[in-house]
């Protein structure tokens, strides 16, 4: 019995997921310490990196926190907003496609 090899006609290639940038926005009410704590707790930044990002946000009005696939980015934004509300701060961050 002869075996035949079948080759799929339309071999689909897996596409890498798009990355999304999380941007933290400045406001006049959220404390510097809270922003640094959020950057360390939610985004796992070192103390030095968290302070650098916080200063960027403070001086330029916004700062890039990191790049993640959409689901992870959305989860992290939700965490930031939930923690900010619990602490009664208006801290916001947004997602933008890279």
PDB file of N, CA and C in Angstrom:
ATOM      1  N   UNK A   1       0.831  -1.175   0.000  1.00  0.00           N
ATOM      2  CA  UNK A   1       0.000   0.000   0.000  1.00  0.00           C
ATOM      3  C   UNK A   1       0.879   1.243   0.000  1.00  0.00           C
ATOM      4  N   UNK A   2       0.634   2.102  -0.923  1.00  0.00           N
ATOM      5  CA  UNK A   2       1.446   3.310  -1.091  1.00  0.00           C
ATOM      6  C   UNK A   2       0.858   4.449  -0.262  1.00  0.00           C
ATOM      7  N   UNK A   3       1.708   5.149   0.428  1.00  0.00           N
ATOM      8  CA  UNK A   3       1.263   6.294   1.238  1.00  0.00           C
ATOM      9  C   UNK A   3       1.459   7.575   0.449  1.00  0.00           C
ATOM     10  N   UNK A   4       0.505   8.448   0.542  1.00  0.00           N
ATOM     11  CA  UNK A   4       0.640   9.738  -0.121  1.00  0.00           C
ATOM     12  C   UNK A   4       0.736  10.815   0.947  1.00  0.00           C
ATOM     13  N   UNK A   5       1.522  11.780   0.647  1.00  0.00           N
ATOM     14  CA  UNK A   5       1.716  12.899   1.558  1.00  0.00           C
ATOM     15  C   UNK A   5       0.714  13.980   1.199  1.00  0.00           C
ATOM     16  N   UNK A   6       0.033  14.484   2.192  1.00  0.00           N
ATOM     17  CA  UNK A   6      -0.877  15.596   1.931  1.00  0.00           C
ATOM     18  C   UNK A   6      -0.264  16.870   2.476  1.00  0.00           C
ATOM     19  N   UNK A   7      -0.319  17.872   1.669  1.00  0.00           N
ATOM     20  CA  UNK A   7       0.219  19.172   2.039  1.00  0.00           C
ATOM     21  C   UNK A   7      -0.949  20.152   2.053  1.00  0.00           C
ATOM     22  N   UNK A   8      -1.161  20.832   3.172  1.00  0.00           N
ATOM     23  CA  UNK A   8      -2.273  21.779   3.212  1.00  0.00           C
ATOM     24  C   UNK A   8      -2.068  22.887   2.177  1.00  0.00           C
ATOM     25  N   UNK A   9      -3.173  23.235   1.496  1.00  0.00           N
ATOM     26  CA  UNK A   9      -3.092  24.268   0.470  1.00  0.00           C
ATOM     27  C   UNK A   9      -2.817  25.641   1.069  1.00  0.00           C
ATOM     28  N   UNK A  10      -3.595  26.000   2.020  1.00  0.00           N
ATOM     29  CA  UNK A  10      -3.471  27.342   2.618  1.00  0.00           C
ATOM     30  C   UNK A  10      -2.909  27.221   4.017  1.00  0.00           C
ATOM     31  N   UNK A  11      -1.630  27.122   4.088  1.00  0.00           N
ATOM     32  CA  UNK A  11      -0.989  27.025   5.386  1.00  0.00           C
ATOM     33  C   UNK A  11      -1.011  28.398   6.042  1.00  0.00           C
ATOM     34  N   UNK A  12      -1.638  28.478   7.202  1.00  0.00           N
ATOM     35  CA  UNK A  12      -1.774  29.773   7.875  1.00  0.00           C
ATOM     36  C   UNK A  12      -0.576  30.010   8.779  1.00  0.00           C
ATOM     37  N   UNK A  13      -0.050  31.210   8.677  1.00  0.00           N
ATOM     38  CA  UNK A  13       1.057  31.594   9.544  1.00  0.00           C
ATOM     39  C   UNK A  13       0.487  32.346  10.736  1.00  0.00           C
ATOM     40  N   UNK A  14       1.015  32.034  11.894  1.00  0.00           N
ATOM     41  CA  UNK A  14       0.578  32.744  13.088  1.00  0.00           C
ATOM     42  C   UNK A  14       1.198  34.128  13.114  1.00  0.00           C
ATOM     43  N   UNK A  15       0.381  35.081  13.422  1.00  0.00           N
ATOM     44  CA  UNK A  15       0.831  36.470  13.455  1.00  0.00           C
ATOM     45  C   UNK A  15       1.105  36.872  14.905  1.00  0.00           C
ATOM     46  N   UNK A  16       2.202  37.553  15.105  1.00  0.00           N
ATOM     47  CA  UNK A  16       2.512  38.066  16.444  1.00  0.00           C
ATOM     48  C   UNK A  16       1.424  39.050  16.863  1.00  0.00           C
ATOM     49  N   UNK A  17       1.020  39.021  18.135  1.00  0.00           N
ATOM     50  CA  UNK A  17       0.002  39.988  18.565  1.00  0.00           C
ATOM     51  C   UNK A  17       0.566  41.410  18.548  1.00  0.00           C
ATOM     52  N   UNK A  18      -0.313  42.358  18.264  1.00  0.00           N
ATOM     53  CA  UNK A  18       0.101  43.759  18.274  1.00  0.00           C
ATOM     54  C   UNK A  18       0.425  44.177  19.697  1.00  0.00           C
ATOM     55  N   UNK A  19       1.356  45.091  19.827  1.00  0.00           N
ATOM     56  CA  UNK A  19       1.678  45.633  21.137  1.00  0.00           C
ATOM     57  C   UNK A  19       0.983  46.972  21.318  1.00  0.00           C
ATOM     58  N   UNK A  20       0.682  47.269  22.549  1.00  0.00           N
ATOM     59  CA  UNK A  20       0.012  48.514  22.901  1.00  0.00           C
ATOM     60  C   UNK A  20       0.817  49.207  23.981  1.00  0.00           C
ATOM     61  N   UNK A  21       0.949  50.490  23.836  1.00  0.00           N
ATOM     62  CA  UNK A  21       1.710  51.327  24.760  1.00  0.00           C
ATOM     63  C   UNK A  21       0.755  51.825  25.842  1.00  0.00           C
ATOM     64  N   UNK A  22       1.184  51.733  27.092  1.00  0.00           N
ATOM     65  CA  UNK A  22       0.408  52.307  28.196  1.00  0.00           C
ATOM     66  C   UNK A  22       1.041  53.646  28.543  1.00  0.00           C
ATOM     67  N   UNK A  23       0.199  54.684  28.556  1.00  0.00           N
ATOM     68  CA  UNK A  23       0.669  56.034  28.832  1.00  0.00           C
ATOM     69  C   UNK A  23      -0.033  56.547  30.088  1.00  0.00           C
ATOM     70  N   UNK A  24       0.763  56.960  31.047  1.00  0.00           N
ATOM     71  CA  UNK A  24       0.258  57.518  32.300  1.00  0.00           C
ATOM     72  C   UNK A  24       0.105  59.023  32.119  1.00  0.00           C
ATOM     73  N   UNK A  25      -1.042  59.565  32.536  1.00  0.00           N
ATOM     74  CA  UNK A  25      -1.337  60.986  32.348  1.00  0.00           C
ATOM     75  C   UNK A  25      -1.183  61.750  33.649  1.00  0.00           C
ATOM     76  N   UNK A  26      -0.673  62.960  33.553  1.00  0.00           N
ATOM     77  CA  UNK A  26      -0.462  63.810  34.724  1.00  0.00           C
ATOM     78  C   UNK A  26      -1.783  64.428  35.183  1.00  0.00           C
ATOM     79  N   UNK A  27      -1.887  64.648  36.476  1.00  0.00           N
ATOM     80  CA  UNK A  27      -2.982  65.436  37.036  1.00  0.00           C
ATOM     81  C   UNK A  27      -2.418  66.219  38.223  1.00  0.00           C
ATOM     82  N   UNK A  28      -3.176  67.152  38.730  1.00  0.00           N
ATOM     83  CA  UNK A  28      -2.674  68.020  39.799  1.00  0.00           C
ATOM     84  C   UNK A  28      -3.020  67.527  41.195  1.00  0.00           C
ATOM     85  N   UNK A  29      -3.536  66.305  41.316  1.00  0.00           N
ATOM     86  CA  UNK A  29      -3.997  65.829  42.621  1.00  0.00           C
ATOM     87  C   UNK A  29      -3.318  64.558  43.109  1.00  0.00           C
ATOM     88  N   UNK A  30      -2.969  63.667  42.201  1.00  0.00           N
ATOM     89  CA  UNK A  30      -2.346  62.404  42.594  1.00  0.00           C
ATOM     90  C   UNK A  30      -0.935  62.669  43.107  1.00  0.00           C
ATOM     91  N   UNK A  31      -0.614  62.087  44.250  1.00  0.00           N
ATOM     92  CA  UNK A  31       0.707  62.334  44.847  1.00  0.00           C
ATOM     93  C   UNK A  31       1.804  61.592  44.082  1.00  0.00           C
ATOM     94  N   UNK A  32       2.988  62.144  44.164  1.00  0.00           N
ATOM     95  CA  UNK A  32       4.168  61.550  43.538  1.00  0.00           C
ATOM     96  C   UNK A  32       4.415  60.157  44.110  1.00  0.00           C
ATOM     97  N   UNK A  33       4.287  60.015  45.420  1.00  0.00           N
ATOM     98  CA  UNK A  33       4.520  58.720  46.075  1.00  0.00           C
ATOM     99  C   UNK A  33       3.547  57.659  45.563  1.00  0.00           C
ATOM    100  N   UNK A  34       2.277  58.056  45.369  1.00  0.00           N
ATOM    101  CA  UNK A  34       1.287  57.099  44.874  1.00  0.00           C
ATOM    102  C   UNK A  34       1.642  56.645  43.459  1.00  0.00           C
ATOM    103  N   UNK A  35       2.050  57.563  42.609  1.00  0.00           N
ATOM    104  CA  UNK A  35       2.424  57.219  41.233  1.00  0.00           C
ATOM    105  C   UNK A  35       3.605  56.250  41.238  1.00  0.00           C
ATOM    106  N   UNK A  36       4.606  56.528  42.035  1.00  0.00           N
ATOM    107  CA  UNK A  36       5.774  55.643  42.122  1.00  0.00           C
ATOM    108  C   UNK A  36       5.352  54.269  42.637  1.00  0.00           C
ATOM    109  N   UNK A  37       4.488  54.237  43.655  1.00  0.00           N
ATOM    110  CA  UNK A  37       4.009  52.956  44.187  1.00  0.00           C
ATOM    111  C   UNK A  37       3.266  52.156  43.115  1.00  0.00           C
ATOM    112  N   UNK A  38       2.426  52.814  42.343  1.00  0.00           N
ATOM    113  CA  UNK A  38       1.679  52.151  41.255  1.00  0.00           C
ATOM    114  C   UNK A  38       2.645  51.580  40.221  1.00  0.00           C
ATOM    115  N   UNK A  39       3.628  52.367  39.834  1.00  0.00           N
ATOM    116  CA  UNK A  39       4.588  51.912  38.827  1.00  0.00           C
ATOM    117  C   UNK A  39       5.363  50.686  39.310  1.00  0.00           C
ATOM    118  N   UNK A  40       5.668  50.654  40.591  1.00  0.00           N
ATOM    119  CA  UNK A  40       6.401  49.515  41.138  1.00  0.00           C
ATOM    120  C   UNK A  40       5.491  48.297  41.323  1.00  0.00           C
ATOM    121  N   UNK A  41       4.270  48.512  41.800  1.00  0.00           N
ATOM    122  CA  UNK A  41       3.369  47.394  42.107  1.00  0.00           C
ATOM    123  C   UNK A  41       2.724  46.800  40.854  1.00  0.00           C
ATOM    124  N   UNK A  42       2.191  47.631  39.986  1.00  0.00           N
ATOM    125  CA  UNK A  42       1.445  47.138  38.827  1.00  0.00           C
ATOM    126  C   UNK A  42       2.368  46.805  37.661  1.00  0.00           C
ATOM    127  N   UNK A  43       3.395  47.645  37.457  1.00  0.00           N
ATOM    128  CA  UNK A  43       4.250  47.484  36.283  1.00  0.00           C
ATOM    129  C   UNK A  43       5.618  46.882  36.613  1.00  0.00           C
ATOM    130  N   UNK A  44       5.850  46.570  37.882  1.00  0.00           N
ATOM    131  CA  UNK A  44       7.087  45.920  38.340  1.00  0.00           C
ATOM    132  C   UNK A  44       8.347  46.700  37.959  1.00  0.00           C
ATOM    133  N   UNK A  45       8.271  48.030  38.068  1.00  0.00           N
ATOM    134  CA  UNK A  45       9.424  48.888  37.787  1.00  0.00           C
ATOM    135  C   UNK A  45      10.282  48.986  39.046  1.00  0.00           C
ATOM    136  N   UNK A  46      11.575  49.167  38.844  1.00  0.00           N
ATOM    137  CA  UNK A  46      12.474  49.404  39.976  1.00  0.00           C
ATOM    138  C   UNK A  46      12.199  50.802  40.524  1.00  0.00           C
ATOM    139  N   UNK A  47      12.709  51.079  41.695  1.00  0.00           N
ATOM    140  CA  UNK A  47      12.528  52.403  42.297  1.00  0.00           C
ATOM    141  C   UNK A  47      13.075  53.495  41.384  1.00  0.00           C
ATOM    142  N   UNK A  48      14.244  53.267  40.819  1.00  0.00           N
ATOM    143  CA  UNK A  48      14.880  54.256  39.936  1.00  0.00           C
ATOM    144  C   UNK A  48      14.045  54.474  38.677  1.00  0.00           C
ATOM    145  N   UNK A  49      13.603  53.373  38.043  1.00  0.00           N
ATOM    146  CA  UNK A  49      12.809  53.477  36.821  1.00  0.00           C
ATOM    147  C   UNK A  49      11.452  54.119  37.104  1.00  0.00           C
ATOM    148  N   UNK A  50      10.827  53.771  38.216  1.00  0.00           N
ATOM    149  CA  UNK A  50       9.535  54.350  38.592  1.00  0.00           C
ATOM    150  C   UNK A  50       9.661  55.859  38.801  1.00  0.00           C
ATOM    151  N   UNK A  51      10.718  56.296  39.437  1.00  0.00           N
ATOM    152  CA  UNK A  51      10.933  57.728  39.654  1.00  0.00           C
ATOM    153  C   UNK A  51      11.206  58.460  38.339  1.00  0.00           C
ATOM    154  N   UNK A  52      11.922  57.826  37.425  1.00  0.00           N
ATOM    155  CA  UNK A  52      12.195  58.434  36.123  1.00  0.00           C
ATOM    156  C   UNK A  52      10.891  58.622  35.346  1.00  0.00           C
ATOM    157  N   UNK A  53      10.059  57.591  35.321  1.00  0.00           N
ATOM    158  CA  UNK A  53       8.775  57.681  34.610  1.00  0.00           C
ATOM    159  C   UNK A  53       7.886  58.730  35.269  1.00  0.00           C
ATOM    160  N   UNK A  54       7.836  58.736  36.600  1.00  0.00           N
ATOM    161  CA  UNK A  54       7.008  59.705  37.335  1.00  0.00           C
ATOM    162  C   UNK A  54       7.433  61.133  37.004  1.00  0.00           C
ATOM    163  N   UNK A  55       8.731  61.389  36.947  1.00  0.00           N
ATOM    164  CA  UNK A  55       9.208  62.734  36.615  1.00  0.00           C
ATOM    165  C   UNK A  55       8.846  63.110  35.183  1.00  0.00           C
ATOM    166  N   UNK A  56       8.913  62.153  34.273  1.00  0.00           N
ATOM    167  CA  UNK A  56       8.486  62.391  32.893  1.00  0.00           C
ATOM    168  C   UNK A  56       7.019  62.796  32.845  1.00  0.00           C
ATOM    169  N   UNK A  57       6.194  62.059  33.563  1.00  0.00           N
ATOM    170  CA  UNK A  57       4.761  62.355  33.611  1.00  0.00           C
ATOM    171  C   UNK A  57       4.547  63.749  34.192  1.00  0.00           C
ATOM    172  N   UNK A  58       5.240  64.059  35.257  1.00  0.00           N
ATOM    173  CA  UNK A  58       5.093  65.346  35.938  1.00  0.00           C
ATOM    174  C   UNK A  58       5.541  66.518  35.051  1.00  0.00           C
ATOM    175  N   UNK A  59       6.660  66.351  34.364  1.00  0.00           N
ATOM    176  CA  UNK A  59       7.214  67.451  33.563  1.00  0.00           C
ATOM    177  C   UNK A  59       6.575  67.589  32.182  1.00  0.00           C
ATOM    178  N   UNK A  60       6.242  66.464  31.555  1.00  0.00           N
ATOM    179  CA  UNK A  60       5.749  66.503  30.170  1.00  0.00           C
ATOM    180  C   UNK A  60       4.239  66.282  30.053  1.00  0.00           C
ATOM    181  N   UNK A  61       3.596  65.965  31.159  1.00  0.00           N
ATOM    182  CA  UNK A  61       2.160  65.750  31.128  1.00  0.00           C
ATOM    183  C   UNK A  61       1.747  64.313  30.884  1.00  0.00           C
ATOM    184  N   UNK A  62       2.687  63.498  30.429  1.00  0.00           N
ATOM    185  CA  UNK A  62       2.420  62.082  30.221  1.00  0.00           C
ATOM    186  C   UNK A  62       3.737  61.333  30.112  1.00  0.00           C
ATOM    187  N   UNK A  63       3.672  60.031  30.299  1.00  0.00           N
ATOM    188  CA  UNK A  63       4.874  59.217  30.204  1.00  0.00           C
ATOM    189  C   UNK A  63       4.534  57.788  29.846  1.00  0.00           C
ATOM    190  N   UNK A  64       5.358  57.171  29.022  1.00  0.00           N
ATOM    191  CA  UNK A  64       5.157  55.782  28.615  1.00  0.00           C
ATOM    192  C   UNK A  64       5.619  54.861  29.734  1.00  0.00           C
ATOM    193  N   UNK A  65       4.732  53.949  30.096  1.00  0.00           N
ATOM    194  CA  UNK A  65       5.013  53.011  31.174  1.00  0.00           C
ATOM    195  C   UNK A  65       5.560  51.691  30.636  1.00  0.00           C
ATOM    196  N   UNK A  66       5.051  51.249  29.483  1.00  0.00           N
ATOM    197  CA  UNK A  66       5.500  49.994  28.900  1.00  0.00           C
ATOM    198  C   UNK A  66       4.667  49.611  27.702  1.00  0.00           C
ATOM    199  N   UNK A  67       5.046  48.491  27.073  1.00  0.00           N
ATOM    200  CA  UNK A  67       4.321  47.968  25.918  1.00  0.00           C
ATOM    201  C   UNK A  67       3.938  46.521  26.200  1.00  0.00           C
ATOM    202  N   UNK A  68       2.683  46.192  25.918  1.00  0.00           N
ATOM    203  CA  UNK A  68       2.143  44.878  26.222  1.00  0.00           C
ATOM    204  C   UNK A  68       1.134  44.484  25.150  1.00  0.00           C
ATOM    205  N   UNK A  69       0.850  43.172  25.025  1.00  0.00           N
ATOM    206  CA  UNK A  69      -0.286  42.763  24.201  1.00  0.00           C
ATOM    207  C   UNK A  69      -1.569  43.383  24.779  1.00  0.00           C
ATOM    208  N   UNK A  70      -2.597  43.518  23.951  1.00  0.00           N
ATOM    209  CA  UNK A  70      -3.794  44.264  24.347  1.00  0.00           C
ATOM    210  C   UNK A  70      -4.414  43.779  25.659  1.00  0.00           C
ATOM    211  N   UNK A  71      -4.605  42.479  25.818  1.00  0.00           N
ATOM    212  CA  UNK A  71      -5.269  41.961  27.022  1.00  0.00           C
ATOM    213  C   UNK A  71      -4.501  42.314  28.287  1.00  0.00           C
ATOM    214  N   UNK A  72      -3.197  42.200  28.234  1.00  0.00           N
ATOM    215  CA  UNK A  72      -2.372  42.532  29.399  1.00  0.00           C
ATOM    216  C   UNK A  72      -2.415  44.032  29.650  1.00  0.00           C
ATOM    217  N   UNK A  73      -2.311  44.828  28.597  1.00  0.00           N
ATOM    218  CA  UNK A  73      -2.362  46.289  28.741  1.00  0.00           C
ATOM    219  C   UNK A  73      -3.686  46.714  29.364  1.00  0.00           C
ATOM    220  N   UNK A  74      -4.782  46.154  28.884  1.00  0.00           N
ATOM    221  CA  UNK A  74      -6.102  46.510  29.412  1.00  0.00           C
ATOM    222  C   UNK A  74      -6.234  46.131  30.880  1.00  0.00           C
ATOM    223  N   UNK A  75      -5.714  44.979  31.249  1.00  0.00           N
ATOM    224  CA  UNK A  75      -5.757  44.538  32.644  1.00  0.00           C
ATOM    225  C   UNK A  75      -4.965  45.486  33.538  1.00  0.00           C
ATOM    226  N   UNK A  76      -3.787  45.891  33.084  1.00  0.00           N
ATOM    227  CA  UNK A  76      -2.955  46.798  33.883  1.00  0.00           C
ATOM    228  C   UNK A  76      -3.608  48.172  34.020  1.00  0.00           C
ATOM    229  N   UNK A  77      -4.212  48.682  32.950  1.00  0.00           N
ATOM    230  CA  UNK A  77      -4.922  49.971  33.019  1.00  0.00           C
ATOM    231  C   UNK A  77      -6.078  49.871  34.010  1.00  0.00           C
ATOM    232  N   UNK A  78      -6.827  48.775  33.953  1.00  0.00           N
ATOM    233  CA  UNK A  78      -7.929  48.573  34.895  1.00  0.00           C
ATOM    234  C   UNK A  78      -7.426  48.537  36.339  1.00  0.00           C
ATOM    235  N   UNK A  79      -6.288  47.878  36.573  1.00  0.00           N
ATOM    236  CA  UNK A  79      -5.702  47.824  37.918  1.00  0.00           C
ATOM    237  C   UNK A  79      -5.346  49.221  38.411  1.00  0.00           C
ATOM    238  N   UNK A  80      -4.706  50.018  37.543  1.00  0.00           N
ATOM    239  CA  UNK A  80      -4.321  51.381  37.920  1.00  0.00           C
ATOM    240  C   UNK A  80      -5.556  52.196  38.286  1.00  0.00           C
ATOM    241  N   UNK A  81      -6.573  52.147  37.443  1.00  0.00           N
ATOM    242  CA  UNK A  81      -7.787  52.936  37.693  1.00  0.00           C
ATOM    243  C   UNK A  81      -8.497  52.479  38.976  1.00  0.00           C
ATOM    244  N   UNK A  82      -8.540  51.173  39.224  1.00  0.00           N
ATOM    245  CA  UNK A  82      -9.169  50.655  40.434  1.00  0.00           C
ATOM    246  C   UNK A  82      -8.411  51.105  41.685  1.00  0.00           C
ATOM    247  N   UNK A  83      -7.089  50.973  41.666  1.00  0.00           N
ATOM    248  CA  UNK A  83      -6.277  51.386  42.817  1.00  0.00           C
ATOM    249  C   UNK A  83      -6.362  52.892  43.046  1.00  0.00           C
ATOM    250  N   UNK A  84      -6.391  53.662  41.977  1.00  0.00           N
ATOM    251  CA  UNK A  84      -6.501  55.125  42.098  1.00  0.00           C
ATOM    252  C   UNK A  84      -7.850  55.507  42.712  1.00  0.00           C
ATOM    253  N   UNK A  85      -8.922  54.868  42.255  1.00  0.00           N
ATOM    254  CA  UNK A  85     -10.245  55.155  42.825  1.00  0.00           C
ATOM    255  C   UNK A  85     -10.293  54.808  44.307  1.00  0.00           C
ATOM    256  N   UNK A  86      -9.699  53.660  44.670  1.00  0.00           N
ATOM    257  CA  UNK A  86      -9.681  53.242  46.077  1.00  0.00           C
ATOM    258  C   UNK A  86      -8.947  54.259  46.942  1.00  0.00           C
ATOM    259  N   UNK A  87      -7.891  54.862  46.381  1.00  0.00           N
ATOM    260  CA  UNK A  87      -7.105  55.858  47.119  1.00  0.00           C
ATOM    261  C   UNK A  87      -7.654  57.271  46.928  1.00  0.00           C
ATOM    262  N   UNK A  88      -8.760  57.380  46.179  1.00  0.00           N
ATOM    263  CA  UNK A  88      -9.420  58.659  45.899  1.00  0.00           C
ATOM    264  C   UNK A  88      -8.537  59.641  45.128  1.00  0.00           C
ATOM    265  N   UNK A  89      -7.807  59.096  44.135  1.00  0.00           N
ATOM    266  CA  UNK A  89      -6.997  59.906  43.234  1.00  0.00           C
ATOM    267  C   UNK A  89      -7.579  59.806  41.824  1.00  0.00           C
ATOM    268  N   UNK A  90      -7.451  60.876  41.023  1.00  0.00           N
ATOM    269  CA  UNK A  90      -7.973  60.847  39.646  1.00  0.00           C
ATOM    270  C   UNK A  90      -6.967  60.332  38.606  1.00  0.00           C
ATOM    271  N   UNK A  91      -5.966  59.597  39.040  1.00  0.00           N
ATOM    272  CA  UNK A  91      -4.917  59.112  38.131  1.00  0.00           C
ATOM    273  C   UNK A  91      -5.521  58.320  36.970  1.00  0.00           C
ATOM    274  N   UNK A  92      -5.072  58.638  35.761  1.00  0.00           N
ATOM    275  CA  UNK A  92      -5.553  57.973  34.551  1.00  0.00           C
ATOM    276  C   UNK A  92      -4.391  57.502  33.703  1.00  0.00           C
ATOM    277  N   UNK A  93      -4.631  56.444  32.961  1.00  0.00           N
ATOM    278  CA  UNK A  93      -3.687  56.038  31.932  1.00  0.00           C
ATOM    279  C   UNK A  93      -4.486  55.532  30.747  1.00  0.00           C
ATOM    280  N   UNK A  94      -3.854  55.589  29.588  1.00  0.00           N
ATOM    281  CA  UNK A  94      -4.512  55.219  28.338  1.00  0.00           C
ATOM    282  C   UNK A  94      -3.667  54.194  27.596  1.00  0.00           C
ATOM    283  N   UNK A  95      -4.302  53.565  26.613  1.00  0.00           N
ATOM    284  CA  UNK A  95      -3.626  52.585  25.761  1.00  0.00           C
ATOM    285  C   UNK A  95      -3.612  53.134  24.347  1.00  0.00           C
ATOM    286  N   UNK A  96      -2.456  52.989  23.692  1.00  0.00           N
ATOM    287  CA  UNK A  96      -2.411  53.342  22.272  1.00  0.00           C
ATOM    288  C   UNK A  96      -1.623  52.276  21.526  1.00  0.00           C
ATOM    289  N   UNK A  97      -2.073  51.953  20.321  1.00  0.00           N
ATOM    290  CA  UNK A  97      -1.414  50.918  19.535  1.00  0.00           C
ATOM    291  C   UNK A  97      -0.054  51.412  19.056  1.00  0.00           C
ATOM    292  N   UNK A  98       0.912  50.521  19.116  1.00  0.00           N
ATOM    293  CA  UNK A  98       2.280  50.848  18.705  1.00  0.00           C
ATOM    294  C   UNK A  98       2.385  50.761  17.204  1.00  0.00           C
TER     295      UNK A  98
END
